[in-house]
Amino acid sequence: MDDAQLSHLATLAQGEDPLAALRATAALHREAARLEAVQVRRARVQGRTWSEIAEALGISKQAVHKKYGGRGLFRSQD
């Protein structure tokens, strides 16, 4: 998703129509989740630990490992 699309969704998410705002918010949420997964994968490929990733996300190591560790895509160190 490009910057213009994100900007448009952010505008819609703050709009007057609650259903349009909810649709836009849901789309933003999906994009944020996708970006998070991409960056977690990049961090693991670069050798970052689950603890470092968890700290960056503001969650526990256990939570980040539970969410991303079982996918078989990431090295399981630390």
N, C-alpha and C. Protein backbone atom coordinates (compact mmCIF):
# COMPACT_ATOMS: atom_id res chain seq x y z
N MET A 1 0.85 -1.17 0.00
CA MET A 1 0.00 0.00 0.00
C MET A 1 0.90 1.23 0.00
N ASP A 2 0.60 2.17 -0.87
CA ASP A 2 1.46 3.35 -0.96
C ASP A 2 1.00 4.45 0.00
N ASP A 3 1.80 5.50 0.07
CA ASP A 3 1.53 6.60 1.00
C ASP A 3 0.18 7.29 0.73
N ALA A 4 -0.15 7.44 -0.55
CA ALA A 4 -1.41 8.10 -0.89
C ALA A 4 -2.61 7.28 -0.40
N GLN A 5 -2.53 5.96 -0.56
CA GLN A 5 -3.61 5.10 -0.08
C GLN A 5 -3.74 5.15 1.43
N LEU A 6 -2.59 5.11 2.12
CA LEU A 6 -2.61 5.19 3.58
C LEU A 6 -3.20 6.52 4.05
N SER A 7 -2.80 7.58 3.39
CA SER A 7 -3.30 8.91 3.75
C SER A 7 -4.82 8.99 3.53
N HIS A 8 -5.27 8.44 2.43
CA HIS A 8 -6.71 8.43 2.14
C HIS A 8 -7.48 7.64 3.21
N LEU A 9 -6.96 6.47 3.57
CA LEU A 9 -7.62 5.66 4.60
C LEU A 9 -7.63 6.38 5.95
N ALA A 10 -6.52 7.05 6.28
CA ALA A 10 -6.46 7.79 7.54
C ALA A 10 -7.49 8.91 7.57
N THR A 11 -7.68 9.57 6.44
CA THR A 11 -8.69 10.62 6.34
C THR A 11 -10.09 10.03 6.51
N LEU A 12 -10.36 8.93 5.81
CA LEU A 12 -11.66 8.28 5.94
C LEU A 12 -11.93 7.80 7.36
N ALA A 13 -10.88 7.30 8.03
CA ALA A 13 -11.02 6.77 9.39
C ALA A 13 -11.43 7.86 10.39
N GLN A 14 -11.19 9.10 10.02
CA GLN A 14 -11.57 10.22 10.90
C GLN A 14 -12.82 10.95 10.42
N GLY A 15 -13.46 10.39 9.42
CA GLY A 15 -14.61 11.05 8.81
C GLY A 15 -15.88 10.96 9.62
N GLU A 16 -16.91 11.57 9.08
CA GLU A 16 -18.21 11.65 9.74
C GLU A 16 -19.04 10.38 9.64
N ASP A 17 -18.86 9.63 8.57
CA ASP A 17 -19.63 8.40 8.36
C ASP A 17 -18.99 7.27 9.16
N PRO A 18 -19.64 6.80 10.22
CA PRO A 18 -19.01 5.80 11.08
C PRO A 18 -18.73 4.48 10.38
N LEU A 19 -19.57 4.06 9.45
CA LEU A 19 -19.30 2.79 8.76
C LEU A 19 -18.12 2.91 7.81
N ALA A 20 -18.02 4.03 7.10
CA ALA A 20 -16.86 4.26 6.24
C ALA A 20 -15.60 4.37 7.08
N ALA A 21 -15.72 5.02 8.23
CA ALA A 21 -14.57 5.16 9.13
C ALA A 21 -14.13 3.80 9.67
N LEU A 22 -15.09 2.95 9.99
CA LEU A 22 -14.75 1.61 10.48
C LEU A 22 -14.08 0.77 9.39
N ARG A 23 -14.58 0.88 8.15
CA ARG A 23 -13.96 0.13 7.05
C ARG A 23 -12.52 0.59 6.85
N ALA A 24 -12.32 1.90 6.88
CA ALA A 24 -10.98 2.45 6.71
C ALA A 24 -10.08 2.04 7.87
N THR A 25 -10.61 2.07 9.08
CA THR A 25 -9.83 1.67 10.26
C THR A 25 -9.43 0.20 10.16
N ALA A 26 -10.35 -0.64 9.72
CA ALA A 26 -10.05 -2.07 9.55
C ALA A 26 -8.96 -2.26 8.50
N ALA A 27 -9.04 -1.52 7.41
CA ALA A 27 -8.02 -1.62 6.36
C ALA A 27 -6.65 -1.17 6.89
N LEU A 28 -6.64 -0.09 7.66
CA LEU A 28 -5.39 0.38 8.27
C LEU A 28 -4.83 -0.66 9.23
N HIS A 29 -5.71 -1.28 9.99
CA HIS A 29 -5.28 -2.31 10.93
C HIS A 29 -4.63 -3.49 10.19
N ARG A 30 -5.25 -3.93 9.10
CA ARG A 30 -4.67 -5.03 8.31
C ARG A 30 -3.31 -4.65 7.75
N GLU A 31 -3.19 -3.43 7.27
CA GLU A 31 -1.91 -2.99 6.71
C GLU A 31 -0.84 -2.89 7.80
N ALA A 32 -1.21 -2.39 8.96
CA ALA A 32 -0.26 -2.31 10.08
C ALA A 32 0.20 -3.71 10.49
N ALA A 33 -0.72 -4.66 10.54
CA ALA A 33 -0.36 -6.04 10.90
C ALA A 33 0.58 -6.64 9.86
N ARG A 34 0.31 -6.36 8.60
CA ARG A 34 1.17 -6.87 7.52
C ARG A 34 2.58 -6.28 7.64
N LEU A 35 2.65 -4.97 7.86
CA LEU A 35 3.94 -4.31 8.00
C LEU A 35 4.70 -4.82 9.22
N GLU A 36 3.99 -5.05 10.31
CA GLU A 36 4.63 -5.58 11.51
C GLU A 36 5.25 -6.94 11.22
N ALA A 37 4.52 -7.81 10.56
CA ALA A 37 5.03 -9.14 10.24
C ALA A 37 6.27 -9.06 9.34
N VAL A 38 6.23 -8.16 8.37
CA VAL A 38 7.38 -7.98 7.48
C VAL A 38 8.60 -7.54 8.28
N GLN A 39 8.41 -6.59 9.19
CA GLN A 39 9.55 -6.08 9.95
C GLN A 39 10.06 -7.08 10.97
N VAL A 40 9.17 -7.87 11.55
CA VAL A 40 9.62 -8.93 12.46
C VAL A 40 10.48 -9.92 11.68
N ARG A 41 10.02 -10.30 10.51
CA ARG A 41 10.79 -11.24 9.68
C ARG A 41 12.16 -10.64 9.32
N ARG A 42 12.18 -9.38 8.93
CA ARG A 42 13.45 -8.72 8.60
C ARG A 42 14.39 -8.69 9.81
N ALA A 43 13.82 -8.38 10.97
CA ALA A 43 14.64 -8.34 12.18
C ALA A 43 15.23 -9.71 12.48
N ARG A 44 14.43 -10.77 12.36
CA ARG A 44 14.93 -12.12 12.62
C ARG A 44 16.00 -12.52 11.61
N VAL A 45 15.79 -12.18 10.33
CA VAL A 45 16.78 -12.49 9.30
C VAL A 45 18.10 -11.78 9.60
N GLN A 46 18.02 -10.60 10.18
CA GLN A 46 19.22 -9.84 10.54
C GLN A 46 19.83 -10.30 11.87
N GLY A 47 19.22 -11.31 12.47
CA GLY A 47 19.79 -11.87 13.69
C GLY A 47 19.32 -11.25 14.99
N ARG A 48 18.28 -10.42 14.93
CA ARG A 48 17.75 -9.81 16.16
C ARG A 48 17.05 -10.87 16.99
N THR A 49 17.12 -10.72 18.30
CA THR A 49 16.51 -11.69 19.20
C THR A 49 15.03 -11.38 19.40
N TRP A 50 14.31 -12.40 19.89
CA TRP A 50 12.90 -12.17 20.21
C TRP A 50 12.76 -11.10 21.29
N SER A 51 13.72 -11.05 22.20
CA SER A 51 13.67 -10.03 23.25
C SER A 51 13.79 -8.63 22.67
N GLU A 52 14.68 -8.44 21.73
CA GLU A 52 14.84 -7.13 21.10
C GLU A 52 13.58 -6.73 20.33
N ILE A 53 13.03 -7.67 19.61
CA ILE A 53 11.82 -7.41 18.83
C ILE A 53 10.67 -7.08 19.77
N ALA A 54 10.52 -7.85 20.82
CA ALA A 54 9.45 -7.61 21.80
C ALA A 54 9.57 -6.22 22.40
N GLU A 55 10.78 -5.83 22.75
CA GLU A 55 10.98 -4.50 23.33
C GLU A 55 10.57 -3.41 22.34
N ALA A 56 10.94 -3.58 21.08
CA ALA A 56 10.58 -2.59 20.05
C ALA A 56 9.07 -2.48 19.89
N LEU A 57 8.38 -3.60 20.04
CA LEU A 57 6.93 -3.62 19.89
C LEU A 57 6.19 -3.26 21.18
N GLY A 58 6.91 -3.23 22.29
CA GLY A 58 6.28 -2.90 23.57
C GLY A 58 5.44 -4.03 24.12
N ILE A 59 5.83 -5.27 23.81
CA ILE A 59 5.12 -6.45 24.32
C ILE A 59 6.14 -7.42 24.89
N SER A 60 5.67 -8.49 25.49
CA SER A 60 6.57 -9.46 26.09
C SER A 60 7.22 -10.34 25.02
N LYS A 61 8.35 -10.89 25.37
CA LYS A 61 9.04 -11.83 24.48
C LYS A 61 8.13 -13.00 24.17
N GLN A 62 7.42 -13.48 25.17
CA GLN A 62 6.52 -14.61 24.99
C GLN A 62 5.40 -14.28 24.00
N ALA A 63 4.87 -13.07 24.09
CA ALA A 63 3.78 -12.66 23.19
C ALA A 63 4.25 -12.59 21.74
N VAL A 64 5.42 -11.99 21.53
CA VAL A 64 5.91 -11.88 20.15
C VAL A 64 6.30 -13.24 19.60
N HIS A 65 6.87 -14.09 20.44
CA HIS A 65 7.24 -15.42 19.98
C HIS A 65 6.00 -16.26 19.68
N LYS A 66 4.97 -16.11 20.51
CA LYS A 66 3.72 -16.84 20.27
C LYS A 66 3.09 -16.41 18.95
N LYS A 67 3.13 -15.12 18.67
CA LYS A 67 2.50 -14.58 17.47
C LYS A 67 3.28 -14.94 16.21
N TYR A 68 4.62 -14.89 16.28
CA TYR A 68 5.43 -15.05 15.07
C TYR A 68 6.35 -16.26 15.08
N GLY A 69 6.63 -16.81 16.24
CA GLY A 69 7.63 -17.87 16.34
C GLY A 69 7.22 -19.21 15.77
N GLY A 70 5.95 -19.50 15.74
CA GLY A 70 5.49 -20.79 15.28
C GLY A 70 5.30 -20.91 13.79
N ARG A 71 5.64 -19.89 13.06
CA ARG A 71 5.40 -19.89 11.62
C ARG A 71 6.46 -20.63 10.84
N GLY A 72 7.56 -21.00 11.50
CA GLY A 72 8.61 -21.72 10.81
C GLY A 72 9.43 -20.84 9.88
N LEU A 73 9.19 -19.54 9.90
CA LEU A 73 9.89 -18.63 9.02
C LEU A 73 11.08 -17.97 9.69
N PHE A 74 11.12 -18.07 11.01
CA PHE A 74 12.09 -17.32 11.77
C PHE A 74 13.03 -18.25 12.53
N ARG A 75 14.26 -17.84 12.59
CA ARG A 75 15.22 -18.60 13.38
C ARG A 75 14.80 -18.55 14.84
N SER A 76 14.96 -19.65 15.54
CA SER A 76 14.50 -19.68 16.94
C SER A 76 15.67 -19.63 17.90
N GLN A 77 16.36 -18.51 17.92
CA GLN A 77 17.40 -18.31 18.92
C GLN A 77 16.81 -17.49 20.05
N ASP A 78 17.44 -17.50 21.17
CA ASP A 78 17.10 -16.83 22.45
C ASP A 78 15.80 -17.24 22.94
